[in-house]
Amino acid sequence: MDLTQEFEQAIADSKLLPEKPTNDVLLKIYSLYKQATEGDFSGEMPSNPFDIVGIAKANAWKEQGGKPKEEAMKEYISLILQLKK
């Protein structure tokens, strides 16, 4: 199985985790997914200062900046595998 196939499998597995991850872990999953699929953050920060979730997601993705897509895929796969246990 190549990296893309493993990544796709991890995406499917992420929807079937035995326990709901903490918010911090969910942000990590989100940010690695976005980095792996879209690359560095390119959008705008939410303009509503009360959009706490949107701001947290944007900041988490920005923290992944500069990370190659393949590395983000590997980290995503590894994280999902840990959560499946």
PDB file of N, CA and C in Angstrom:
ATOM      1  N   MET A   1       0.849  -1.178   0.000  1.00  0.00           N
ATOM      2  CA  MET A   1       0.000   0.000   0.000  1.00  0.00           C
ATOM      3  C   MET A   1       0.895   1.243   0.000  1.00  0.00           C
ATOM      4  N   ASP A   2       0.628   2.161  -0.915  1.00  0.00           N
ATOM      5  CA  ASP A   2       1.451   3.368  -0.964  1.00  0.00           C
ATOM      6  C   ASP A   2       0.934   4.412   0.034  1.00  0.00           C
ATOM      7  N   LEU A   3       1.660   5.501   0.169  1.00  0.00           N
ATOM      8  CA  LEU A   3       1.352   6.516   1.176  1.00  0.00           C
ATOM      9  C   LEU A   3      -0.054   7.088   0.993  1.00  0.00           C
ATOM     10  N   THR A   4      -0.438   7.370  -0.237  1.00  0.00           N
ATOM     11  CA  THR A   4      -1.765   7.932  -0.491  1.00  0.00           C
ATOM     12  C   THR A   4      -2.859   6.961  -0.065  1.00  0.00           C
ATOM     13  N   GLN A   5      -2.669   5.688  -0.356  1.00  0.00           N
ATOM     14  CA  GLN A   5      -3.657   4.685   0.048  1.00  0.00           C
ATOM     15  C   GLN A   5      -3.722   4.569   1.574  1.00  0.00           C
ATOM     16  N   GLU A   6      -2.572   4.594   2.226  1.00  0.00           N
ATOM     17  CA  GLU A   6      -2.542   4.539   3.693  1.00  0.00           C
ATOM     18  C   GLU A   6      -3.246   5.764   4.287  1.00  0.00           C
ATOM     19  N   PHE A   7      -3.027   6.918   3.668  1.00  0.00           N
ATOM     20  CA  PHE A   7      -3.660   8.151   4.120  1.00  0.00           C
ATOM     21  C   PHE A   7      -5.175   8.055   3.971  1.00  0.00           C
ATOM     22  N   GLU A   8      -5.628   7.585   2.820  1.00  0.00           N
ATOM     23  CA  GLU A   8      -7.070   7.422   2.583  1.00  0.00           C
ATOM     24  C   GLU A   8      -7.674   6.445   3.591  1.00  0.00           C
ATOM     25  N   GLN A   9      -6.950   5.379   3.905  1.00  0.00           N
ATOM     26  CA  GLN A   9      -7.431   4.416   4.889  1.00  0.00           C
ATOM     27  C   GLN A   9      -7.506   5.056   6.277  1.00  0.00           C
ATOM     28  N   ALA A  10      -6.511   5.870   6.611  1.00  0.00           N
ATOM     29  CA  ALA A  10      -6.503   6.557   7.906  1.00  0.00           C
ATOM     30  C   ALA A  10      -7.678   7.533   8.007  1.00  0.00           C
ATOM     31  N   ILE A  11      -8.010   8.193   6.906  1.00  0.00           N
ATOM     32  CA  ILE A  11      -9.168   9.098   6.894  1.00  0.00           C
ATOM     33  C   ILE A  11     -10.431   8.296   7.209  1.00  0.00           C
ATOM     34  N   ALA A  12     -10.586   7.153   6.555  1.00  0.00           N
ATOM     35  CA  ALA A  12     -11.753   6.299   6.809  1.00  0.00           C
ATOM     36  C   ALA A  12     -11.747   5.820   8.263  1.00  0.00           C
ATOM     37  N   ASP A  13     -10.580   5.412   8.746  1.00  0.00           N
ATOM     38  CA  ASP A  13     -10.465   4.925  10.123  1.00  0.00           C
ATOM     39  C   ASP A  13     -10.772   6.019  11.142  1.00  0.00           C
ATOM     40  N   SER A  14     -10.472   7.266  10.797  1.00  0.00           N
ATOM     41  CA  SER A  14     -10.690   8.371  11.741  1.00  0.00           C
ATOM     42  C   SER A  14     -12.166   8.545  12.077  1.00  0.00           C
ATOM     43  N   LYS A  15     -13.020   8.083  11.192  1.00  0.00           N
ATOM     44  CA  LYS A  15     -14.464   8.197  11.417  1.00  0.00           C
ATOM     45  C   LYS A  15     -14.998   7.071  12.287  1.00  0.00           C
ATOM     46  N   LEU A  16     -14.144   6.078  12.582  1.00  0.00           N
ATOM     47  CA  LEU A  16     -14.564   4.904  13.339  1.00  0.00           C
ATOM     48  C   LEU A  16     -13.756   4.711  14.620  1.00  0.00           C
ATOM     49  N   LEU A  17     -13.201   5.768  15.148  1.00  0.00           N
ATOM     50  CA  LEU A  17     -12.381   5.662  16.355  1.00  0.00           C
ATOM     51  C   LEU A  17     -13.237   5.190  17.532  1.00  0.00           C
ATOM     52  N   PRO A  18     -12.655   4.356  18.404  1.00  0.00           N
ATOM     53  CA  PRO A  18     -13.424   3.820  19.520  1.00  0.00           C
ATOM     54  C   PRO A  18     -13.872   4.877  20.532  1.00  0.00           C
ATOM     55  N   GLU A  19     -13.099   5.950  20.672  1.00  0.00           N
ATOM     56  CA  GLU A  19     -13.440   7.037  21.592  1.00  0.00           C
ATOM     57  C   GLU A  19     -13.293   8.363  20.857  1.00  0.00           C
ATOM     58  N   LYS A  20     -14.124   9.338  21.251  1.00  0.00           N
ATOM     59  CA  LYS A  20     -13.993  10.668  20.664  1.00  0.00           C
ATOM     60  C   LYS A  20     -12.732  11.324  21.223  1.00  0.00           C
ATOM     61  N   PRO A  21     -11.841  11.773  20.344  1.00  0.00           N
ATOM     62  CA  PRO A  21     -10.610  12.429  20.816  1.00  0.00           C
ATOM     63  C   PRO A  21     -10.911  13.757  21.508  1.00  0.00           C
ATOM     64  N   THR A  22      -9.947  14.218  22.295  1.00  0.00           N
ATOM     65  CA  THR A  22     -10.066  15.527  22.938  1.00  0.00           C
ATOM     66  C   THR A  22     -10.043  16.614  21.864  1.00  0.00           C
ATOM     67  N   ASN A  23     -10.433  17.809  22.238  1.00  0.00           N
ATOM     68  CA  ASN A  23     -10.424  18.923  21.287  1.00  0.00           C
ATOM     69  C   ASN A  23      -9.028  19.193  20.748  1.00  0.00           C
ATOM     70  N   ASP A  24      -8.010  19.081  21.599  1.00  0.00           N
ATOM     71  CA  ASP A  24      -6.633  19.299  21.146  1.00  0.00           C
ATOM     72  C   ASP A  24      -6.236  18.277  20.086  1.00  0.00           C
ATOM     73  N   VAL A  25      -6.615  17.034  20.304  1.00  0.00           N
ATOM     74  CA  VAL A  25      -6.298  15.978  19.339  1.00  0.00           C
ATOM     75  C   VAL A  25      -7.098  16.182  18.057  1.00  0.00           C
ATOM     76  N   LEU A  26      -8.352  16.588  18.186  1.00  0.00           N
ATOM     77  CA  LEU A  26      -9.161  16.866  16.988  1.00  0.00           C
ATOM     78  C   LEU A  26      -8.538  17.989  16.161  1.00  0.00           C
ATOM     79  N   LEU A  27      -7.998  19.011  16.829  1.00  0.00           N
ATOM     80  CA  LEU A  27      -7.334  20.093  16.107  1.00  0.00           C
ATOM     81  C   LEU A  27      -6.081  19.578  15.396  1.00  0.00           C
ATOM     82  N   LYS A  28      -5.355  18.688  16.039  1.00  0.00           N
ATOM     83  CA  LYS A  28      -4.152  18.103  15.428  1.00  0.00           C
ATOM     84  C   LYS A  28      -4.546  17.293  14.183  1.00  0.00           C
ATOM     85  N   ILE A  29      -5.604  16.475  14.318  1.00  0.00           N
ATOM     86  CA  ILE A  29      -6.087  15.689  13.175  1.00  0.00           C
ATOM     87  C   ILE A  29      -6.471  16.626  12.037  1.00  0.00           C
ATOM     88  N   TYR A  30      -7.243  17.655  12.351  1.00  0.00           N
ATOM     89  CA  TYR A  30      -7.695  18.615  11.346  1.00  0.00           C
ATOM     90  C   TYR A  30      -6.515  19.293  10.658  1.00  0.00           C
ATOM     91  N   SER A  31      -5.574  19.784  11.460  1.00  0.00           N
ATOM     92  CA  SER A  31      -4.465  20.547  10.882  1.00  0.00           C
ATOM     93  C   SER A  31      -3.570  19.676  10.007  1.00  0.00           C
ATOM     94  N   LEU A  32      -3.336  18.446  10.425  1.00  0.00           N
ATOM     95  CA  LEU A  32      -2.520  17.542   9.596  1.00  0.00           C
ATOM     96  C   LEU A  32      -3.248  17.185   8.307  1.00  0.00           C
ATOM     97  N   TYR A  33      -4.555  16.975   8.402  1.00  0.00           N
ATOM     98  CA  TYR A  33      -5.352  16.670   7.208  1.00  0.00           C
ATOM     99  C   TYR A  33      -5.278  17.836   6.217  1.00  0.00           C
ATOM    100  N   LYS A  34      -5.508  19.056   6.710  1.00  0.00           N
ATOM    101  CA  LYS A  34      -5.481  20.229   5.830  1.00  0.00           C
ATOM    102  C   LYS A  34      -4.097  20.433   5.215  1.00  0.00           C
ATOM    103  N   GLN A  35      -3.051  20.245   6.005  1.00  0.00           N
ATOM    104  CA  GLN A  35      -1.691  20.408   5.489  1.00  0.00           C
ATOM    105  C   GLN A  35      -1.404  19.355   4.426  1.00  0.00           C
ATOM    106  N   ALA A  36      -1.865  18.130   4.662  1.00  0.00           N
ATOM    107  CA  ALA A  36      -1.618  17.039   3.714  1.00  0.00           C
ATOM    108  C   ALA A  36      -2.407  17.206   2.426  1.00  0.00           C
ATOM    109  N   THR A  37      -3.594  17.779   2.516  1.00  0.00           N
ATOM    110  CA  THR A  37      -4.442  17.871   1.328  1.00  0.00           C
ATOM    111  C   THR A  37      -4.367  19.216   0.610  1.00  0.00           C
ATOM    112  N   GLU A  38      -4.060  20.296   1.360  1.00  0.00           N
ATOM    113  CA  GLU A  38      -4.062  21.627   0.749  1.00  0.00           C
ATOM    114  C   GLU A  38      -2.743  22.379   0.869  1.00  0.00           C
ATOM    115  N   GLY A  39      -1.832  21.885   1.698  1.00  0.00           N
ATOM    116  CA  GLY A  39      -0.573  22.593   1.892  1.00  0.00           C
ATOM    117  C   GLY A  39      -0.720  23.688   2.939  1.00  0.00           C
ATOM    118  N   ASP A  40       0.174  24.657   2.907  1.00  0.00           N
ATOM    119  CA  ASP A  40       0.183  25.719   3.910  1.00  0.00           C
ATOM    120  C   ASP A  40      -1.128  26.501   3.933  1.00  0.00           C
ATOM    121  N   PHE A  41      -1.464  27.008   5.110  1.00  0.00           N
ATOM    122  CA  PHE A  41      -2.676  27.813   5.311  1.00  0.00           C
ATOM    123  C   PHE A  41      -2.675  28.963   4.326  1.00  0.00           C
ATOM    124  N   SER A  42      -3.791  29.120   3.617  1.00  0.00           N
ATOM    125  CA  SER A  42      -3.850  30.175   2.612  1.00  0.00           C
ATOM    126  C   SER A  42      -5.112  31.023   2.731  1.00  0.00           C
ATOM    127  N   GLY A  43      -5.959  30.681   3.678  1.00  0.00           N
ATOM    128  CA  GLY A  43      -7.201  31.432   3.836  1.00  0.00           C
ATOM    129  C   GLY A  43      -6.996  32.661   4.696  1.00  0.00           C
ATOM    130  N   GLU A  44      -8.111  33.203   5.131  1.00  0.00           N
ATOM    131  CA  GLU A  44      -8.071  34.348   6.028  1.00  0.00           C
ATOM    132  C   GLU A  44      -8.546  33.896   7.398  1.00  0.00           C
ATOM    133  N   MET A  45      -8.024  34.542   8.398  1.00  0.00           N
ATOM    134  CA  MET A  45      -8.483  34.271   9.757  1.00  0.00           C
ATOM    135  C   MET A  45      -9.944  34.709   9.851  1.00  0.00           C
ATOM    136  N   PRO A  46     -10.726  33.994  10.640  1.00  0.00           N
ATOM    137  CA  PRO A  46     -12.121  34.418  10.822  1.00  0.00           C
ATOM    138  C   PRO A  46     -12.179  35.855  11.336  1.00  0.00           C
ATOM    139  N   SER A  47     -13.074  36.639  10.769  1.00  0.00           N
ATOM    140  CA  SER A  47     -13.167  38.045  11.171  1.00  0.00           C
ATOM    141  C   SER A  47     -13.959  38.220  12.457  1.00  0.00           C
ATOM    142  N   ASN A  48     -14.786  37.238  12.790  1.00  0.00           N
ATOM    143  CA  ASN A  48     -15.580  37.308  14.009  1.00  0.00           C
ATOM    144  C   ASN A  48     -14.717  36.861  15.194  1.00  0.00           C
ATOM    145  N   PRO A  49     -14.424  37.760  16.133  1.00  0.00           N
ATOM    146  CA  PRO A  49     -13.570  37.380  17.262  1.00  0.00           C
ATOM    147  C   PRO A  49     -14.207  36.326  18.179  1.00  0.00           C
ATOM    148  N   PHE A  50     -15.501  36.093  18.014  1.00  0.00           N
ATOM    149  CA  PHE A  50     -16.181  35.093  18.832  1.00  0.00           C
ATOM    150  C   PHE A  50     -16.224  33.721  18.151  1.00  0.00           C
ATOM    151  N   ASP A  51     -15.659  33.636  16.947  1.00  0.00           N
ATOM    152  CA  ASP A  51     -15.587  32.353  16.235  1.00  0.00           C
ATOM    153  C   ASP A  51     -14.375  31.586  16.771  1.00  0.00           C
ATOM    154  N   ILE A  52     -14.494  31.137  17.997  1.00  0.00           N
ATOM    155  CA  ILE A  52     -13.374  30.503  18.690  1.00  0.00           C
ATOM    156  C   ILE A  52     -12.928  29.232  17.980  1.00  0.00           C
ATOM    157  N   VAL A  53     -13.889  28.444  17.504  1.00  0.00           N
ATOM    158  CA  VAL A  53     -13.554  27.197  16.812  1.00  0.00           C
ATOM    159  C   VAL A  53     -12.819  27.498  15.511  1.00  0.00           C
ATOM    160  N   GLY A  54     -13.334  28.431  14.743  1.00  0.00           N
ATOM    161  CA  GLY A  54     -12.696  28.791  13.473  1.00  0.00           C
ATOM    162  C   GLY A  54     -11.285  29.323  13.665  1.00  0.00           C
ATOM    163  N   ILE A  55     -11.110  30.141  14.680  1.00  0.00           N
ATOM    164  CA  ILE A  55      -9.786  30.702  14.977  1.00  0.00           C
ATOM    165  C   ILE A  55      -8.834  29.592  15.416  1.00  0.00           C
ATOM    166  N   ALA A  56      -9.317  28.684  16.264  1.00  0.00           N
ATOM    167  CA  ALA A  56      -8.469  27.579  16.733  1.00  0.00           C
ATOM    168  C   ALA A  56      -8.058  26.689  15.563  1.00  0.00           C
ATOM    169  N   LYS A  57      -8.992  26.417  14.656  1.00  0.00           N
ATOM    170  CA  LYS A  57      -8.677  25.575  13.499  1.00  0.00           C
ATOM    171  C   LYS A  57      -7.647  26.256  12.595  1.00  0.00           C
ATOM    172  N   ALA A  58      -7.843  27.550  12.345  1.00  0.00           N
ATOM    173  CA  ALA A  58      -6.898  28.289  11.495  1.00  0.00           C
ATOM    174  C   ALA A  58      -5.511  28.316  12.134  1.00  0.00           C
ATOM    175  N   ASN A  59      -5.443  28.572  13.430  1.00  0.00           N
ATOM    176  CA  ASN A  59      -4.146  28.610  14.116  1.00  0.00           C
ATOM    177  C   ASN A  59      -3.465  27.243  14.094  1.00  0.00           C
ATOM    178  N   ALA A  60      -4.247  26.187  14.308  1.00  0.00           N
ATOM    179  CA  ALA A  60      -3.673  24.837  14.295  1.00  0.00           C
ATOM    180  C   ALA A  60      -3.091  24.523  12.921  1.00  0.00           C
ATOM    181  N   TRP A  61      -3.807  24.890  11.867  1.00  0.00           N
ATOM    182  CA  TRP A  61      -3.327  24.636  10.511  1.00  0.00           C
ATOM    183  C   TRP A  61      -2.081  25.475  10.230  1.00  0.00           C
ATOM    184  N   LYS A  62      -2.086  26.743  10.660  1.00  0.00           N
ATOM    185  CA  LYS A  62      -0.925  27.608  10.448  1.00  0.00           C
ATOM    186  C   LYS A  62       0.332  27.032  11.105  1.00  0.00           C
ATOM    187  N   GLU A  63       0.159  26.369  12.261  1.00  0.00           N
ATOM    188  CA  GLU A  63       1.303  25.777  12.959  1.00  0.00           C
ATOM    189  C   GLU A  63       1.970  24.677  12.135  1.00  0.00           C
ATOM    190  N   GLN A  64       1.251  24.099  11.206  1.00  0.00           N
ATOM    191  CA  GLN A  64       1.806  23.050  10.349  1.00  0.00           C
ATOM    192  C   GLN A  64       2.558  23.639   9.148  1.00  0.00           C
ATOM    193  N   GLY A  65       2.536  24.941   9.016  1.00  0.00           N
ATOM    194  CA  GLY A  65       3.133  25.632   7.871  1.00  0.00           C
ATOM    195  C   GLY A  65       4.555  25.189   7.577  1.00  0.00           C
ATOM    196  N   GLY A  66       4.823  24.974   6.307  1.00  0.00           N
ATOM    197  CA  GLY A  66       6.154  24.575   5.863  1.00  0.00           C
ATOM    198  C   GLY A  66       6.383  23.077   5.882  1.00  0.00           C
ATOM    199  N   LYS A  67       5.481  22.343   6.482  1.00  0.00           N
ATOM    200  CA  LYS A  67       5.624  20.888   6.553  1.00  0.00           C
ATOM    201  C   LYS A  67       5.227  20.296   5.195  1.00  0.00           C
ATOM    202  N   PRO A  68       6.082  19.466   4.610  1.00  0.00           N
ATOM    203  CA  PRO A  68       5.735  18.842   3.328  1.00  0.00           C
ATOM    204  C   PRO A  68       4.477  17.977   3.452  1.00  0.00           C
ATOM    205  N   LYS A  69       3.717  17.906   2.377  1.00  0.00           N
ATOM    206  CA  LYS A  69       2.469  17.140   2.385  1.00  0.00           C
ATOM    207  C   LYS A  69       2.697  15.686   2.793  1.00  0.00           C
ATOM    208  N   GLU A  70       3.774  15.096   2.303  1.00  0.00           N
ATOM    209  CA  GLU A  70       4.039  13.690   2.614  1.00  0.00           C
ATOM    210  C   GLU A  70       4.288  13.490   4.108  1.00  0.00           C
ATOM    211  N   GLU A  71       5.000  14.429   4.710  1.00  0.00           N
ATOM    212  CA  GLU A  71       5.264  14.339   6.153  1.00  0.00           C
ATOM    213  C   GLU A  71       3.963  14.496   6.941  1.00  0.00           C
ATOM    214  N   ALA A  72       3.106  15.412   6.514  1.00  0.00           N
ATOM    215  CA  ALA A  72       1.816  15.599   7.180  1.00  0.00           C
ATOM    216  C   ALA A  72       0.973  14.332   7.055  1.00  0.00           C
ATOM    217  N   MET A  73       1.020  13.692   5.895  1.00  0.00           N
ATOM    218  CA  MET A  73       0.289  12.431   5.707  1.00  0.00           C
ATOM    219  C   MET A  73       0.788  11.364   6.676  1.00  0.00           C
ATOM    220  N   LYS A  74       2.109  11.245   6.784  1.00  0.00           N
ATOM    221  CA  LYS A  74       2.697  10.235   7.671  1.00  0.00           C
ATOM    222  C   LYS A  74       2.301  10.497   9.128  1.00  0.00           C
ATOM    223  N   GLU A  75       2.347  11.761   9.539  1.00  0.00           N
ATOM    224  CA  GLU A  75       1.976  12.100  10.913  1.00  0.00           C
ATOM    225  C   GLU A  75       0.491  11.830  11.158  1.00  0.00           C
ATOM    226  N   TYR A  76      -0.332  12.132  10.169  1.00  0.00           N
ATOM    227  CA  TYR A  76      -1.776  11.882  10.280  1.00  0.00           C
ATOM    228  C   TYR A  76      -2.030  10.385  10.449  1.00  0.00           C
ATOM    229  N   ILE A  77      -1.405   9.586   9.603  1.00  0.00           N
ATOM    230  CA  ILE A  77      -1.564   8.126   9.667  1.00  0.00           C
ATOM    231  C   ILE A  77      -1.134   7.616  11.036  1.00  0.00           C
ATOM    232  N   SER A  78       0.029   8.065  11.504  1.00  0.00           N
ATOM    233  CA  SER A  78       0.551   7.632  12.793  1.00  0.00           C
ATOM    234  C   SER A  78      -0.399   7.998  13.936  1.00  0.00           C
ATOM    235  N   LEU A  79      -0.934   9.213  13.906  1.00  0.00           N
ATOM    236  CA  LEU A  79      -1.833   9.665  14.948  1.00  0.00           C
ATOM    237  C   LEU A  79      -3.117   8.826  14.962  1.00  0.00           C
ATOM    238  N   ILE A  80      -3.684   8.567  13.805  1.00  0.00           N
ATOM    239  CA  ILE A  80      -4.910   7.767  13.733  1.00  0.00           C
ATOM    240  C   ILE A  80      -4.642   6.346  14.209  1.00  0.00           C
ATOM    241  N   LEU A  81      -3.508   5.780  13.839  1.00  0.00           N
ATOM    242  CA  LEU A  81      -3.169   4.435  14.309  1.00  0.00           C
ATOM    243  C   LEU A  81      -3.064   4.386  15.837  1.00  0.00           C
ATOM    244  N   GLN A  82      -2.476   5.423  16.435  1.00  0.00           N
ATOM    245  CA  GLN A  82      -2.387   5.482  17.910  1.00  0.00           C
ATOM    246  C   GLN A  82      -3.774   5.559  18.536  1.00  0.00           C
ATOM    247  N   LEU A  83      -4.666   6.320  17.924  1.00  0.00           N
ATOM    248  CA  LEU A  83      -6.000   6.514  18.481  1.00  0.00           C
ATOM    249  C   LEU A  83      -6.889   5.273  18.321  1.00  0.00           C
ATOM    250  N   LYS A  84      -6.551   4.436  17.360  1.00  0.00           N
ATOM    251  CA  LYS A  84      -7.345   3.217  17.139  1.00  0.00           C
ATOM    252  C   LYS A  84      -7.120   2.182  18.223  1.00  0.00           C
ATOM    253  N   LYS A  85      -6.007   2.273  18.934  1.00  0.00           N
ATOM    254  CA  LYS A  85      -5.649   1.253  19.933  1.00  0.00           C
ATOM    255  C   LYS A  85      -6.520   1.344  21.165  1.00  0.00           C
TER     256      LYS A  85
END
